[in-house]
Every structure is written in C-alpha cells, then in structure tokens.
Amino acid sequence: MKTHDQHRTPHPYPATRHFPNRTPGNGTPARPLWRAALLLGRWTRAPQLGDEVATVLGTPVRRARLVRLLTGVVLVASGTSAAGPVAFVALAAPRIARRLARTAWPPPLVSALAGSFLVLASDLAARRLIPDVELPVGVVTGVLGAPLLLWLLARSRPPR
C-alpha cells in the first residue's frame, strides 16, 4: 500500500514549498550548533569594533571569523535542507530584530526569534488564509517580503 507521500509529485516551484509532515526531529543535526552559535556571542561582538580592538580584547580574530562562518553555513544549510528556501525572511528578520532591540546591529538571538516568528506566522497564514487550500509558505513570505524590498530600495540613497 502506498503512503500519501509516495503519491505526491515534486513541487513545481521548490522555492515556494511548504512544511508537510515536519516534526521537531527534522532539525536535530543542527541542535549542537545552535548551542555553539549562542556561545560565540563574544566572538561575534568584539570584531564589530575592528580587528585591532578585538585582538586587544583577547579575541582570536582569524579563528573567530572562520568558526563563525562555518557555524553559520552549517546552520543555514541544515535549515534550508529541512524546510526549503523561504523568500525574504533573511531580509526582514534582522531589520525587525534591530528595531525590537533598539541597537545599532541586530542581536543574533533576537534576529533568530524574529525569523522564526515570521516563518511561523506565514505558515499559519498559508494554512488558514483560504479555506480548503493550503498555500506554500514561500508564497506568503514572498507576498509580504516583496513590498518590504521595494520600500528598502525606495529608501536607499544613490551613491554620490
């Protein structure tokens, strides 16, 4: 007997697919890296002051840069492999986090929580917006993110 998933055809637009049958266990390979990313807070903040100041503060700048890069790549890759690409979340979440935290740069934890909330709200809207139709979450984030992108482009100043 074939299951529901065996009857499904691949989604024609992978960038707009949704999260069917996702469980918390799908993200377990990245769980230790989340802890590592949170522990990298000092290595994340000090280099923003400049390499010289970070070195004086005791941060190994080159090693910190490499570890942050590898941690970020693995976290993004694991999230994208579990959920598929979801448009505009990476554009909107840091801006929302910076406004919520009222800081010059977006704190990573607040940015992650803002992105999680955006995806959760978009997924709920995709499921409930039109009765008897489950939209892909990428469609909802695209519809919400496109005006944000246009607003950011209109606000940006041309280089002088």
Protein backbone atom coordinates (compact mmCIF):
# COMPACT_ATOMS: atom_id res chain seq x y z
CA MET A 1 0.00 0.00 0.00
CA LYS A 2 1.38 3.40 -0.97
CA THR A 3 1.51 6.23 1.51
CA HIS A 4 0.37 9.77 0.86
CA ASP A 5 3.95 10.94 0.26
CA GLN A 6 4.56 8.31 -2.43
CA HIS A 7 1.64 9.67 -4.48
CA ARG A 8 2.91 13.22 -4.36
CA THR A 9 4.72 14.68 -7.31
CA PRO A 10 7.64 17.02 -6.70
CA HIS A 11 6.55 20.57 -6.07
CA PRO A 12 6.85 22.55 -9.33
CA TYR A 13 8.28 25.60 -7.58
CA PRO A 14 10.73 24.42 -4.89
CA ALA A 15 11.23 27.98 -3.57
CA THR A 16 7.58 28.08 -2.51
CA ARG A 17 7.12 24.66 -0.98
CA HIS A 18 5.53 24.25 2.43
CA PHE A 19 6.23 22.17 5.53
CA PRO A 20 4.15 19.00 5.29
CA ASN A 21 4.76 16.34 7.92
CA ARG A 22 7.56 18.25 9.64
CA THR A 23 8.40 17.16 13.16
CA PRO A 24 10.80 18.64 15.70
CA GLY A 25 13.15 15.74 14.95
CA ASN A 26 13.91 17.10 11.47
CA GLY A 27 16.23 19.76 12.90
CA THR A 28 18.23 17.62 15.31
CA PRO A 29 21.54 17.56 13.37
CA ALA A 30 21.88 21.32 13.92
CA ARG A 31 20.91 21.32 17.60
CA PRO A 32 24.51 21.21 18.96
CA LEU A 33 25.46 24.01 16.58
CA TRP A 34 22.73 26.28 17.98
CA ARG A 35 24.40 25.99 21.36
CA ALA A 36 27.79 26.72 19.80
CA ALA A 37 26.37 29.73 17.96
CA LEU A 38 24.97 31.15 21.19
CA LEU A 39 28.33 30.67 22.91
CA LEU A 40 30.05 32.63 20.12
CA GLY A 41 28.47 35.86 21.36
CA ARG A 42 31.76 37.47 22.45
CA TRP A 43 33.47 36.42 19.24
CA THR A 44 30.58 37.99 17.35
CA ARG A 45 30.51 41.33 19.15
CA ALA A 46 34.22 42.10 19.56
CA PRO A 47 35.18 42.09 15.84
CA GLN A 48 32.48 44.68 15.16
CA LEU A 49 34.74 47.15 16.94
CA GLY A 50 37.57 46.46 14.49
CA ASP A 51 40.25 43.80 14.27
CA GLU A 52 42.76 45.73 16.39
CA VAL A 53 40.31 46.34 19.25
CA ALA A 54 39.10 42.73 19.11
CA THR A 55 42.69 41.49 19.36
CA VAL A 56 43.31 43.74 22.37
CA LEU A 57 40.14 42.35 23.97
CA GLY A 58 41.55 38.83 23.57
CA THR A 59 39.54 37.59 20.59
CA PRO A 60 41.48 35.49 18.08
CA VAL A 61 40.16 37.38 15.06
CA ARG A 62 41.03 34.94 12.25
CA ARG A 63 39.89 31.86 14.16
CA ALA A 64 36.71 33.62 15.30
CA ARG A 65 35.91 34.66 11.73
CA LEU A 66 36.39 31.08 10.44
CA VAL A 67 34.36 29.48 13.25
CA ARG A 68 31.51 31.99 12.82
CA LEU A 69 31.48 31.42 9.06
CA LEU A 70 31.42 27.62 9.34
CA THR A 71 28.77 27.66 12.07
CA GLY A 72 26.57 29.99 10.02
CA VAL A 73 26.96 27.94 6.85
CA VAL A 74 26.04 24.68 8.59
CA LEU A 75 23.06 26.24 10.39
CA VAL A 76 21.70 27.79 7.19
CA ALA A 77 22.31 24.60 5.21
CA SER A 78 20.53 22.43 7.78
CA GLY A 79 17.57 24.78 7.97
CA THR A 80 17.29 25.05 4.20
CA SER A 81 17.56 21.29 3.76
CA ALA A 82 14.74 20.73 6.25
CA ALA A 83 12.39 23.48 5.09
CA GLY A 84 13.47 24.53 1.63
CA PRO A 85 14.24 28.13 0.74
CA VAL A 86 11.76 30.61 2.18
CA ALA A 87 11.93 34.00 0.50
CA PHE A 88 12.61 37.32 2.25
CA VAL A 89 12.90 36.02 5.85
CA ALA A 90 16.62 36.73 5.94
CA LEU A 91 15.91 40.24 4.67
CA ALA A 92 13.15 41.09 7.13
CA ALA A 93 14.18 39.33 10.36
CA PRO A 94 17.36 41.34 11.12
CA ARG A 95 15.56 44.62 10.45
CA ILE A 96 12.75 43.66 12.81
CA ALA A 97 15.27 42.46 15.42
CA ARG A 98 17.23 45.71 15.24
CA ARG A 99 14.03 47.72 15.81
CA LEU A 100 12.92 45.48 18.69
CA ALA A 101 16.30 45.53 20.42
CA ARG A 102 16.92 49.24 19.69
CA THR A 103 20.59 48.60 18.93
CA ALA A 104 22.90 49.60 16.09
CA TRP A 105 23.12 45.99 14.87
CA PRO A 106 20.65 43.12 15.16
CA PRO A 107 21.41 40.74 18.05
CA PRO A 108 21.67 37.17 16.68
CA LEU A 109 19.23 35.64 19.18
CA VAL A 110 16.58 38.32 18.64
CA SER A 111 17.09 38.03 14.88
CA ALA A 112 16.64 34.24 15.03
CA LEU A 113 13.48 34.62 17.09
CA ALA A 114 12.11 37.24 14.69
CA GLY A 115 12.81 34.97 11.73
CA SER A 116 11.19 32.02 13.50
CA PHE A 117 8.12 34.10 14.25
CA LEU A 118 7.92 35.31 10.63
CA VAL A 119 8.04 31.75 9.28
CA LEU A 120 5.55 30.50 11.88
CA ALA A 121 3.11 33.35 11.19
CA SER A 122 3.49 32.88 7.42
CA ASP A 123 2.92 29.13 7.72
CA LEU A 124 -0.20 29.67 9.82
CA ALA A 125 -1.48 32.27 7.36
CA ALA A 126 -0.74 29.92 4.46
CA ARG A 127 -2.80 27.19 6.10
CA ARG A 128 -5.73 29.38 7.18
CA LEU A 129 -5.92 32.23 4.65
CA ILE A 130 -8.03 30.46 2.03
CA PRO A 131 -10.34 27.71 3.33
CA ASP A 132 -9.66 24.24 1.89
CA VAL A 133 -6.44 25.44 0.21
CA GLU A 134 -3.01 25.17 1.79
CA LEU A 135 -0.70 27.73 0.19
CA PRO A 136 3.06 27.15 0.24
CA VAL A 137 4.74 29.22 2.95
CA GLY A 138 7.13 30.71 0.38
CA VAL A 139 4.21 32.36 -1.40
CA VAL A 140 3.11 34.12 1.79
CA THR A 141 6.63 35.26 2.71
CA GLY A 142 7.12 36.44 -0.88
CA VAL A 143 3.90 38.44 -0.83
CA LEU A 144 4.90 40.03 2.48
CA GLY A 145 8.58 40.45 1.62
CA ALA A 146 8.25 42.00 -1.84
CA PRO A 147 6.77 45.28 -0.52
CA LEU A 148 9.50 45.37 2.14
CA LEU A 149 12.16 45.01 -0.54
CA LEU A 150 10.57 47.74 -2.65
CA TRP A 151 10.36 50.03 0.38
CA LEU A 152 14.03 49.41 1.21
CA LEU A 153 15.03 50.12 -2.39
CA ALA A 154 12.99 53.33 -2.46
CA ARG A 155 14.54 54.45 0.84
CA SER A 156 18.13 53.78 -0.19
CA ARG A 157 20.11 56.72 -1.39
CA PRO A 158 22.14 56.55 -4.60
CA PRO A 159 25.93 56.74 -4.08
CA ARG A 160 27.38 60.22 -4.52
